[in-house]
Amino acid sequence: MWAGAAAYRGRRCVGRAARPARAGAGYAFGLLALRFGAVLQAVVAALPERPDVLLVDATGLDHPRRTGLARHLGAVLDVPTVGVTHRTLLARGDWPPDQRGATAPLWLDGELVGHWVRTRSGRRPVAAHAAWRTDAETAARVVLATAGHRTPAPLREARRLARQARAAAASAGYGATRYR
């Protein structure tokens, strides 16, 4: 398994990191922090500077115990976090109008836990999840501020870095299964 992280100031990438690691535990619904938390903590720590806010490809309050991976990681690192996913875990809400910048609330048991955010017209919205020291409105603003494409730039770059590092390791003879 490979993890990547990218630090941005405005629209400019100012730091990158990718790390191989073993998953900390097997898959169990609602417990991704046990599986991936240490890996993500290590790759964020490898960035050249501490982020002001961290975007995580995971949920925050949209979780059976209101403690998704984005919230766990933020608590461990003591960095405000926003979860960004392409679908919700448990929360429900109608999609926003088809125009960039439109948002619509995501609710879980009567609690506002995030927003659908339309980052591009004509594209599906993404879910912006409130996580560690962020609320639903802040999550939506951060996602909109970092999204040039459907997915925010820091997450796109982190995914690219992880794929690139995995491919480089495989071509060097360290097969992709080595770090599972």
N, C-alpha and C. Protein backbone atom coordinates (compact mmCIF):
# COMPACT_ATOMS: atom_id res chain seq x y z
N MET A 1 0.85 -1.17 0.00
CA MET A 1 0.00 0.00 0.00
C MET A 1 0.90 1.24 0.00
N TRP A 2 0.44 2.25 -0.68
CA TRP A 2 1.18 3.52 -0.76
C TRP A 2 0.25 4.66 -0.37
N ALA A 3 0.79 5.66 0.29
CA ALA A 3 0.04 6.85 0.66
C ALA A 3 0.80 8.06 0.14
N GLY A 4 0.06 9.08 -0.26
CA GLY A 4 0.67 10.31 -0.74
C GLY A 4 0.05 11.51 -0.04
N ALA A 5 0.81 12.59 0.02
CA ALA A 5 0.32 13.85 0.58
C ALA A 5 0.93 14.99 -0.20
N ALA A 6 0.17 16.06 -0.35
CA ALA A 6 0.65 17.25 -1.05
C ALA A 6 0.24 18.48 -0.26
N ALA A 7 1.16 19.41 -0.10
CA ALA A 7 0.89 20.66 0.61
C ALA A 7 0.77 21.78 -0.42
N TYR A 8 -0.26 22.60 -0.26
CA TYR A 8 -0.51 23.71 -1.19
C TYR A 8 -0.56 25.02 -0.44
N ARG A 9 -0.10 26.07 -1.09
CA ARG A 9 -0.31 27.46 -0.67
C ARG A 9 -1.02 28.11 -1.85
N GLY A 10 -2.28 28.40 -1.66
CA GLY A 10 -3.08 28.88 -2.78
C GLY A 10 -3.19 27.76 -3.81
N ARG A 11 -2.87 28.06 -5.05
CA ARG A 11 -2.95 27.06 -6.13
C ARG A 11 -1.59 26.40 -6.42
N ARG A 12 -0.58 26.70 -5.61
CA ARG A 12 0.77 26.20 -5.86
C ARG A 12 1.14 25.09 -4.88
N CYS A 13 1.61 23.97 -5.42
CA CYS A 13 2.07 22.86 -4.60
C CYS A 13 3.44 23.22 -4.02
N VAL A 14 3.58 23.17 -2.69
CA VAL A 14 4.83 23.56 -2.03
C VAL A 14 5.51 22.38 -1.33
N GLY A 15 4.91 21.22 -1.40
CA GLY A 15 5.53 20.05 -0.79
C GLY A 15 4.80 18.78 -1.16
N ARG A 16 5.58 17.70 -1.28
CA ARG A 16 5.02 16.40 -1.65
C ARG A 16 5.70 15.31 -0.83
N ALA A 17 4.95 14.23 -0.58
CA ALA A 17 5.53 13.07 0.09
C ALA A 17 4.73 11.84 -0.30
N ALA A 18 5.41 10.71 -0.41
CA ALA A 18 4.76 9.42 -0.64
C ALA A 18 5.50 8.38 0.17
N ARG A 19 4.78 7.44 0.74
CA ARG A 19 5.37 6.44 1.60
C ARG A 19 4.71 5.08 1.39
N PRO A 20 5.53 4.01 1.40
CA PRO A 20 4.94 2.67 1.42
C PRO A 20 4.65 2.27 2.86
N ALA A 21 3.70 1.41 3.05
CA ALA A 21 3.41 0.95 4.41
C ALA A 21 2.52 -0.27 4.36
N ARG A 22 2.47 -0.94 5.45
CA ARG A 22 1.53 -2.05 5.62
C ARG A 22 0.28 -1.52 6.31
N ALA A 23 -0.85 -2.06 5.91
CA ALA A 23 -2.10 -1.70 6.58
C ALA A 23 -2.01 -2.15 8.04
N GLY A 24 -2.50 -1.31 8.94
CA GLY A 24 -2.40 -1.62 10.36
C GLY A 24 -3.36 -2.68 10.85
N ALA A 25 -4.40 -2.96 10.07
CA ALA A 25 -5.40 -3.95 10.47
C ALA A 25 -6.17 -4.36 9.24
N GLY A 26 -6.94 -5.42 9.35
CA GLY A 26 -7.83 -5.83 8.27
C GLY A 26 -8.99 -4.86 8.14
N TYR A 27 -9.74 -4.99 7.05
CA TYR A 27 -10.88 -4.11 6.84
C TYR A 27 -12.00 -4.45 7.80
N ALA A 28 -12.57 -3.43 8.42
CA ALA A 28 -13.78 -3.56 9.22
C ALA A 28 -14.57 -2.27 9.03
N PHE A 29 -15.84 -2.39 8.69
CA PHE A 29 -16.69 -1.21 8.45
C PHE A 29 -16.61 -0.25 9.64
N GLY A 30 -16.34 1.02 9.31
CA GLY A 30 -16.32 2.05 10.34
C GLY A 30 -15.01 2.15 11.11
N LEU A 31 -14.02 1.34 10.77
CA LEU A 31 -12.76 1.35 11.51
C LEU A 31 -11.55 1.58 10.62
N LEU A 32 -11.68 2.42 9.60
CA LEU A 32 -10.57 2.67 8.69
C LEU A 32 -9.38 3.34 9.37
N ALA A 33 -9.61 4.05 10.44
CA ALA A 33 -8.50 4.70 11.15
C ALA A 33 -7.51 3.66 11.66
N LEU A 34 -8.00 2.50 12.06
CA LEU A 34 -7.09 1.45 12.52
C LEU A 34 -6.28 0.88 11.35
N ARG A 35 -6.87 0.84 10.18
CA ARG A 35 -6.20 0.28 9.01
C ARG A 35 -5.22 1.26 8.38
N PHE A 36 -5.63 2.52 8.22
CA PHE A 36 -4.84 3.49 7.46
C PHE A 36 -4.30 4.67 8.26
N GLY A 37 -4.72 4.85 9.49
CA GLY A 37 -4.34 6.03 10.26
C GLY A 37 -2.85 6.25 10.39
N ALA A 38 -2.11 5.23 10.78
CA ALA A 38 -0.66 5.39 10.98
C ALA A 38 0.06 5.69 9.67
N VAL A 39 -0.39 5.09 8.58
CA VAL A 39 0.20 5.34 7.26
C VAL A 39 0.01 6.81 6.88
N LEU A 40 -1.21 7.29 7.04
CA LEU A 40 -1.50 8.68 6.68
C LEU A 40 -0.78 9.65 7.61
N GLN A 41 -0.70 9.32 8.87
CA GLN A 41 0.03 10.17 9.82
C GLN A 41 1.49 10.30 9.39
N ALA A 42 2.10 9.21 8.99
CA ALA A 42 3.51 9.22 8.58
C ALA A 42 3.73 10.04 7.31
N VAL A 43 2.85 9.92 6.35
CA VAL A 43 3.05 10.66 5.09
C VAL A 43 2.81 12.16 5.30
N VAL A 44 1.86 12.52 6.14
CA VAL A 44 1.65 13.95 6.42
C VAL A 44 2.85 14.50 7.19
N ALA A 45 3.40 13.73 8.11
CA ALA A 45 4.58 14.17 8.87
C ALA A 45 5.79 14.35 7.96
N ALA A 46 5.82 13.68 6.81
CA ALA A 46 6.94 13.79 5.87
C ALA A 46 6.86 15.04 5.01
N LEU A 47 5.76 15.76 5.06
CA LEU A 47 5.66 17.01 4.29
C LEU A 47 6.65 18.03 4.86
N PRO A 48 7.17 18.92 4.01
CA PRO A 48 8.16 19.89 4.50
C PRO A 48 7.59 20.95 5.44
N GLU A 49 6.28 21.13 5.43
CA GLU A 49 5.68 22.08 6.37
C GLU A 49 4.33 21.55 6.84
N ARG A 50 3.96 21.96 8.02
CA ARG A 50 2.69 21.52 8.62
C ARG A 50 1.53 22.24 7.92
N PRO A 51 0.51 21.49 7.49
CA PRO A 51 -0.63 22.14 6.83
C PRO A 51 -1.50 22.92 7.82
N ASP A 52 -2.15 23.96 7.31
CA ASP A 52 -3.12 24.71 8.13
C ASP A 52 -4.41 23.93 8.26
N VAL A 53 -4.79 23.24 7.20
CA VAL A 53 -5.96 22.38 7.17
C VAL A 53 -5.62 21.19 6.28
N LEU A 54 -6.14 20.04 6.64
CA LEU A 54 -5.81 18.82 5.93
C LEU A 54 -7.07 18.27 5.26
N LEU A 55 -6.98 18.02 3.95
CA LEU A 55 -8.06 17.36 3.22
C LEU A 55 -7.76 15.87 3.21
N VAL A 56 -8.73 15.06 3.58
CA VAL A 56 -8.55 13.62 3.69
C VAL A 56 -9.61 12.93 2.85
N ASP A 57 -9.21 11.92 2.10
CA ASP A 57 -10.14 11.13 1.30
C ASP A 57 -10.87 10.16 2.23
N ALA A 58 -11.76 10.70 3.04
CA ALA A 58 -12.47 9.92 4.06
C ALA A 58 -13.57 10.79 4.67
N THR A 59 -14.40 10.18 5.49
CA THR A 59 -15.46 10.93 6.15
C THR A 59 -14.99 11.47 7.50
N GLY A 60 -15.79 12.35 8.06
CA GLY A 60 -15.53 12.90 9.38
C GLY A 60 -16.69 12.58 10.30
N LEU A 61 -17.65 13.48 10.38
CA LEU A 61 -18.83 13.26 11.22
C LEU A 61 -19.84 12.32 10.58
N ASP A 62 -19.75 12.10 9.27
CA ASP A 62 -20.63 11.16 8.57
C ASP A 62 -20.13 9.74 8.84
N HIS A 63 -20.44 9.25 10.02
CA HIS A 63 -19.89 7.99 10.50
C HIS A 63 -20.81 7.49 11.62
N PRO A 64 -20.95 6.18 11.80
CA PRO A 64 -21.86 5.69 12.85
C PRO A 64 -21.56 6.25 14.23
N ARG A 65 -20.29 6.51 14.53
CA ARG A 65 -19.91 7.06 15.84
C ARG A 65 -19.42 8.50 15.74
N ARG A 66 -19.67 9.13 14.57
CA ARG A 66 -19.24 10.51 14.29
C ARG A 66 -17.73 10.66 14.36
N THR A 67 -16.98 9.60 14.07
CA THR A 67 -15.53 9.63 14.17
C THR A 67 -14.89 8.92 12.98
N GLY A 68 -15.11 9.45 11.78
CA GLY A 68 -14.50 8.87 10.60
C GLY A 68 -13.00 9.11 10.56
N LEU A 69 -12.35 8.50 9.57
CA LEU A 69 -10.90 8.58 9.44
C LEU A 69 -10.39 10.02 9.41
N ALA A 70 -11.08 10.93 8.72
CA ALA A 70 -10.64 12.32 8.66
C ALA A 70 -10.62 12.95 10.05
N ARG A 71 -11.59 12.62 10.86
CA ARG A 71 -11.64 13.17 12.22
C ARG A 71 -10.54 12.57 13.09
N HIS A 72 -10.33 11.26 12.99
CA HIS A 72 -9.26 10.61 13.74
C HIS A 72 -7.90 11.20 13.39
N LEU A 73 -7.61 11.31 12.10
CA LEU A 73 -6.31 11.80 11.67
C LEU A 73 -6.08 13.23 12.16
N GLY A 74 -7.10 14.07 12.07
CA GLY A 74 -6.98 15.43 12.57
C GLY A 74 -6.69 15.48 14.06
N ALA A 75 -7.34 14.61 14.82
CA ALA A 75 -7.12 14.58 16.27
C ALA A 75 -5.69 14.15 16.60
N VAL A 76 -5.20 13.14 15.91
CA VAL A 76 -3.85 12.64 16.16
C VAL A 76 -2.80 13.69 15.80
N LEU A 77 -3.01 14.36 14.66
CA LEU A 77 -2.05 15.36 14.18
C LEU A 77 -2.29 16.75 14.79
N ASP A 78 -3.44 16.93 15.42
CA ASP A 78 -3.88 18.23 15.92
C ASP A 78 -3.88 19.28 14.80
N VAL A 79 -4.49 18.89 13.68
CA VAL A 79 -4.63 19.77 12.51
C VAL A 79 -6.10 19.74 12.11
N PRO A 80 -6.73 20.89 11.86
CA PRO A 80 -8.10 20.87 11.37
C PRO A 80 -8.20 20.04 10.08
N THR A 81 -9.24 19.23 9.98
CA THR A 81 -9.39 18.36 8.82
C THR A 81 -10.78 18.48 8.20
N VAL A 82 -10.80 18.20 6.90
CA VAL A 82 -12.03 18.14 6.12
C VAL A 82 -11.98 16.83 5.35
N GLY A 83 -13.03 16.05 5.45
CA GLY A 83 -13.14 14.84 4.66
C GLY A 83 -13.75 15.16 3.31
N VAL A 84 -13.28 14.50 2.27
CA VAL A 84 -13.83 14.69 0.92
C VAL A 84 -14.03 13.31 0.31
N THR A 85 -15.28 13.01 -0.04
CA THR A 85 -15.58 11.73 -0.67
C THR A 85 -16.51 11.94 -1.86
N HIS A 86 -16.65 10.91 -2.65
CA HIS A 86 -17.52 10.99 -3.82
C HIS A 86 -18.93 10.51 -3.50
N ARG A 87 -19.08 9.89 -2.34
CA ARG A 87 -20.40 9.51 -1.85
C ARG A 87 -20.37 9.55 -0.33
N THR A 88 -21.54 9.55 0.25
CA THR A 88 -21.61 9.61 1.71
C THR A 88 -21.54 8.19 2.29
N LEU A 89 -21.26 8.13 3.58
CA LEU A 89 -21.28 6.85 4.27
C LEU A 89 -22.70 6.57 4.77
N LEU A 90 -23.24 7.45 5.58
CA LEU A 90 -24.59 7.30 6.13
C LEU A 90 -25.45 8.54 5.92
N ALA A 91 -24.84 9.70 5.79
CA ALA A 91 -25.58 10.96 5.69
C ALA A 91 -26.43 11.01 4.42
N ARG A 92 -27.47 11.80 4.46
CA ARG A 92 -28.37 11.95 3.32
C ARG A 92 -28.63 13.42 3.06
N GLY A 93 -28.85 13.72 1.80
CA GLY A 93 -29.21 15.08 1.40
C GLY A 93 -29.31 15.15 -0.11
N ASP A 94 -30.16 16.03 -0.60
CA ASP A 94 -30.33 16.23 -2.04
C ASP A 94 -29.10 16.92 -2.61
N TRP A 95 -28.82 16.66 -3.88
CA TRP A 95 -27.72 17.32 -4.56
C TRP A 95 -28.03 18.80 -4.76
N PRO A 96 -26.99 19.63 -4.83
CA PRO A 96 -27.20 21.06 -5.07
C PRO A 96 -27.50 21.33 -6.54
N PRO A 97 -27.92 22.55 -6.87
CA PRO A 97 -28.13 22.90 -8.27
C PRO A 97 -26.85 22.70 -9.09
N ASP A 98 -27.01 22.54 -10.39
CA ASP A 98 -25.88 22.24 -11.27
C ASP A 98 -25.13 23.52 -11.66
N GLN A 99 -24.50 24.13 -10.70
CA GLN A 99 -23.65 25.30 -10.96
C GLN A 99 -22.50 25.29 -9.96
N ARG A 100 -21.32 25.64 -10.43
CA ARG A 100 -20.15 25.64 -9.56
C ARG A 100 -20.39 26.51 -8.33
N GLY A 101 -20.03 25.96 -7.19
CA GLY A 101 -20.18 26.70 -5.94
C GLY A 101 -21.46 26.40 -5.19
N ALA A 102 -22.39 25.70 -5.82
CA ALA A 102 -23.65 25.37 -5.14
C ALA A 102 -23.40 24.29 -4.09
N THR A 103 -24.10 24.40 -2.98
CA THR A 103 -23.98 23.42 -1.91
C THR A 103 -25.37 22.98 -1.45
N ALA A 104 -25.42 21.83 -0.81
CA ALA A 104 -26.65 21.32 -0.21
C ALA A 104 -26.27 20.54 1.04
N PRO A 105 -27.04 20.67 2.11
CA PRO A 105 -26.67 20.05 3.38
C PRO A 105 -26.74 18.52 3.37
N LEU A 106 -25.88 17.93 4.16
CA LEU A 106 -25.89 16.49 4.42
C LEU A 106 -26.26 16.28 5.88
N TRP A 107 -27.25 15.47 6.12
CA TRP A 107 -27.78 15.26 7.46
C TRP A 107 -27.61 13.82 7.90
N LEU A 108 -27.33 13.64 9.16
CA LEU A 108 -27.28 12.31 9.77
C LEU A 108 -27.98 12.40 11.11
N ASP A 109 -29.10 11.72 11.23
CA ASP A 109 -29.90 11.73 12.47
C ASP A 109 -30.20 13.14 12.95
N GLY A 110 -30.57 14.02 12.00
CA GLY A 110 -30.94 15.39 12.35
C GLY A 110 -29.77 16.33 12.58
N GLU A 111 -28.54 15.85 12.43
CA GLU A 111 -27.35 16.67 12.64
C GLU A 111 -26.71 17.01 11.29
N LEU A 112 -26.34 18.27 11.09
CA LEU A 112 -25.64 18.69 9.88
C LEU A 112 -24.20 18.21 9.98
N VAL A 113 -23.79 17.31 9.07
CA VAL A 113 -22.45 16.72 9.15
C VAL A 113 -21.57 17.07 7.95
N GLY A 114 -22.14 17.77 6.99
CA GLY A 114 -21.37 18.15 5.80
C GLY A 114 -22.25 18.76 4.75
N HIS A 115 -21.69 18.90 3.56
CA HIS A 115 -22.42 19.45 2.42
C HIS A 115 -22.03 18.72 1.15
N TRP A 116 -23.01 18.54 0.26
CA TRP A 116 -22.67 18.25 -1.12
C TRP A 116 -22.14 19.55 -1.69
N VAL A 117 -21.06 19.48 -2.45
CA VAL A 117 -20.45 20.67 -3.04
C VAL A 117 -20.27 20.45 -4.54
N ARG A 118 -20.81 21.35 -5.31
CA ARG A 118 -20.67 21.28 -6.76
C ARG A 118 -19.41 22.05 -7.13
N THR A 119 -18.33 21.33 -7.41
CA THR A 119 -17.05 21.96 -7.72
C THR A 119 -16.94 22.33 -9.20
N ARG A 120 -17.78 21.71 -10.04
CA ARG A 120 -17.81 22.02 -11.47
C ARG A 120 -19.23 21.82 -11.98
N SER A 121 -19.67 22.70 -12.85
CA SER A 121 -20.97 22.51 -13.48
C SER A 121 -20.92 21.28 -14.37
N GLY A 122 -22.01 20.56 -14.43
CA GLY A 122 -22.08 19.38 -15.28
C GLY A 122 -21.41 18.16 -14.71
N ARG A 123 -20.89 18.21 -13.48
CA ARG A 123 -20.23 17.08 -12.83
C ARG A 123 -20.97 16.75 -11.53
N ARG A 124 -20.81 15.51 -11.11
CA ARG A 124 -21.39 15.12 -9.82
C ARG A 124 -20.75 15.94 -8.70
N PRO A 125 -21.49 16.26 -7.67
CA PRO A 125 -20.89 16.96 -6.53
C PRO A 125 -20.03 16.01 -5.71
N VAL A 126 -19.18 16.56 -4.87
CA VAL A 126 -18.44 15.78 -3.89
C VAL A 126 -19.03 16.08 -2.51
N ALA A 127 -18.81 15.17 -1.59
CA ALA A 127 -19.26 15.37 -0.22
C ALA A 127 -18.11 15.97 0.58
N ALA A 128 -18.36 17.13 1.18
CA ALA A 128 -17.39 17.79 2.06
C ALA A 128 -17.85 17.52 3.49
N HIS A 129 -17.03 16.78 4.23
CA HIS A 129 -17.40 16.33 5.57
C HIS A 129 -16.71 17.17 6.65
N ALA A 130 -17.49 17.66 7.59
CA ALA A 130 -16.90 18.28 8.78
C ALA A 130 -16.13 17.19 9.51
N ALA A 131 -14.95 17.53 10.02
CA ALA A 131 -14.13 16.52 10.70
C ALA A 131 -13.54 17.13 11.98
N TRP A 132 -12.22 17.15 12.10
CA TRP A 132 -11.59 17.65 13.32
C TRP A 132 -11.48 19.17 13.28
N ARG A 133 -12.08 19.84 14.25
CA ARG A 133 -12.07 21.30 14.39
C ARG A 133 -12.54 22.04 13.14
N THR A 134 -13.48 21.44 12.41
CA THR A 134 -14.13 22.13 11.29
C THR A 134 -15.63 21.85 11.39
N ASP A 135 -16.41 22.74 10.80
CA ASP A 135 -17.85 22.51 10.72
C ASP A 135 -18.24 22.33 9.26
N ALA A 136 -19.49 22.07 9.01
CA ALA A 136 -19.95 21.77 7.65
C ALA A 136 -19.72 22.94 6.69
N GLU A 137 -19.94 24.17 7.13
CA GLU A 137 -19.76 25.33 6.27
C GLU A 137 -18.28 25.52 5.92
N THR A 138 -17.42 25.36 6.90
CA THR A 138 -15.98 25.47 6.66
C THR A 138 -15.53 24.40 5.69
N ALA A 139 -16.01 23.18 5.87
CA ALA A 139 -15.64 22.08 4.97
C ALA A 139 -16.01 22.43 3.53
N ALA A 140 -17.19 22.94 3.31
CA ALA A 140 -17.63 23.30 1.96
C ALA A 140 -16.75 24.42 1.38
N ARG A 141 -16.43 25.43 2.18
CA ARG A 141 -15.59 26.54 1.70
C ARG A 141 -14.19 26.07 1.33
N VAL A 142 -13.61 25.19 2.16
CA VAL A 142 -12.26 24.68 1.89
C VAL A 142 -12.26 23.85 0.60
N VAL A 143 -13.25 23.02 0.43
CA VAL A 143 -13.32 22.20 -0.79
C VAL A 143 -13.45 23.09 -2.02
N LEU A 144 -14.32 24.08 -1.97
CA LEU A 144 -14.48 24.99 -3.12
C LEU A 144 -13.20 25.78 -3.41
N ALA A 145 -12.51 26.18 -2.36
CA ALA A 145 -11.29 26.98 -2.54
C ALA A 145 -10.15 26.17 -3.15
N THR A 146 -10.18 24.86 -3.02
CA THR A 146 -9.08 24.02 -3.50
C THR A 146 -9.43 23.21 -4.74
N ALA A 147 -10.63 23.38 -5.26
CA ALA A 147 -11.08 22.54 -6.37
C ALA A 147 -10.99 23.26 -7.71
N GLY A 148 -10.04 22.84 -8.52
CA GLY A 148 -9.99 23.29 -9.90
C GLY A 148 -10.67 22.28 -10.80
N HIS A 149 -10.67 21.05 -10.34
CA HIS A 149 -11.36 19.94 -10.99
C HIS A 149 -12.45 19.49 -10.05
N ARG A 150 -13.04 18.34 -10.32
CA ARG A 150 -14.07 17.84 -9.41
C ARG A 150 -13.51 17.57 -8.02
N THR A 151 -12.35 16.93 -7.96
CA THR A 151 -11.70 16.62 -6.70
C THR A 151 -10.69 17.74 -6.38
N PRO A 152 -10.61 18.19 -5.14
CA PRO A 152 -9.65 19.24 -4.78
C PRO A 152 -8.21 18.88 -5.17
N ALA A 153 -7.46 19.88 -5.56
CA ALA A 153 -6.09 19.70 -6.05
C ALA A 153 -5.18 18.93 -5.09
N PRO A 154 -5.19 19.20 -3.78
CA PRO A 154 -4.29 18.44 -2.90
C PRO A 154 -4.58 16.93 -2.91
N LEU A 155 -5.85 16.56 -2.99
CA LEU A 155 -6.18 15.13 -3.03
C LEU A 155 -5.81 14.51 -4.38
N ARG A 156 -6.03 15.24 -5.46
CA ARG A 156 -5.63 14.73 -6.78
C ARG A 156 -4.13 14.49 -6.83
N GLU A 157 -3.36 15.44 -6.32
CA GLU A 157 -1.90 15.32 -6.33
C GLU A 157 -1.44 14.18 -5.41
N ALA A 158 -2.05 14.04 -4.25
CA ALA A 158 -1.69 12.96 -3.33
C ALA A 158 -1.93 11.59 -3.97
N ARG A 159 -3.05 11.44 -4.65
CA ARG A 159 -3.33 10.18 -5.35
C ARG A 159 -2.32 9.92 -6.44
N ARG A 160 -1.98 10.95 -7.20
CA ARG A 160 -1.00 10.81 -8.27
C ARG A 160 0.35 10.39 -7.70
N LEU A 161 0.77 11.01 -6.62
CA LEU A 161 2.05 10.67 -5.98
C LEU A 161 2.08 9.21 -5.52
N ALA A 162 1.01 8.75 -4.90
CA ALA A 162 0.96 7.37 -4.42
C ALA A 162 1.02 6.39 -5.58
N ARG A 163 0.26 6.67 -6.65
CA ARG A 163 0.29 5.79 -7.83
C ARG A 163 1.68 5.78 -8.47
N GLN A 164 2.28 6.94 -8.58
CA GLN A 164 3.61 7.06 -9.18
C GLN A 164 4.67 6.32 -8.35
N ALA A 165 4.61 6.45 -7.04
CA ALA A 165 5.57 5.76 -6.17
C ALA A 165 5.38 4.25 -6.25
N ARG A 166 4.13 3.81 -6.28
CA ARG A 166 3.85 2.37 -6.40
C ARG A 166 4.39 1.82 -7.71
N ALA A 167 4.17 2.55 -8.80
CA ALA A 167 4.66 2.11 -10.12
C ALA A 167 6.19 2.08 -10.16
N ALA A 168 6.83 3.08 -9.57
CA ALA A 168 8.30 3.11 -9.55
C ALA A 168 8.85 1.93 -8.74
N ALA A 169 8.22 1.61 -7.63
CA ALA A 169 8.66 0.47 -6.82
C ALA A 169 8.47 -0.84 -7.58
N ALA A 170 7.36 -0.95 -8.28
CA ALA A 170 7.09 -2.17 -9.05
C ALA A 170 8.11 -2.34 -10.17
N SER A 171 8.46 -1.26 -10.86
CA SER A 171 9.42 -1.36 -11.95
C SER A 171 10.84 -1.61 -11.44
N ALA A 172 11.09 -1.28 -10.17
CA ALA A 172 12.40 -1.52 -9.58
C ALA A 172 12.48 -2.93 -8.96
N GLY A 173 11.42 -3.70 -9.12
CA GLY A 173 11.43 -5.06 -8.63
C GLY A 173 10.82 -5.26 -7.25
N TYR A 174 10.21 -4.20 -6.72
CA TYR A 174 9.54 -4.32 -5.42
C TYR A 174 8.04 -4.43 -5.65
N GLY A 175 7.54 -5.49 -6.19
CA GLY A 175 6.15 -5.65 -6.60
C GLY A 175 5.16 -4.90 -5.73
N ALA A 176 4.05 -4.55 -6.30
CA ALA A 176 3.03 -3.77 -5.63
C ALA A 176 2.48 -4.49 -4.39
N THR A 177 2.60 -5.82 -4.34
CA THR A 177 2.06 -6.55 -3.20
C THR A 177 3.01 -6.54 -2.00
N ARG A 178 4.22 -6.11 -2.17
CA ARG A 178 5.20 -6.15 -1.08
C ARG A 178 4.74 -5.43 0.18
N TYR A 179 4.05 -4.32 0.05
CA TYR A 179 3.71 -3.48 1.21
C TYR A 179 2.28 -3.63 1.67
N ARG A 180 1.59 -4.66 1.25
CA ARG A 180 0.19 -4.82 1.69
C ARG A 180 0.08 -5.17 3.13
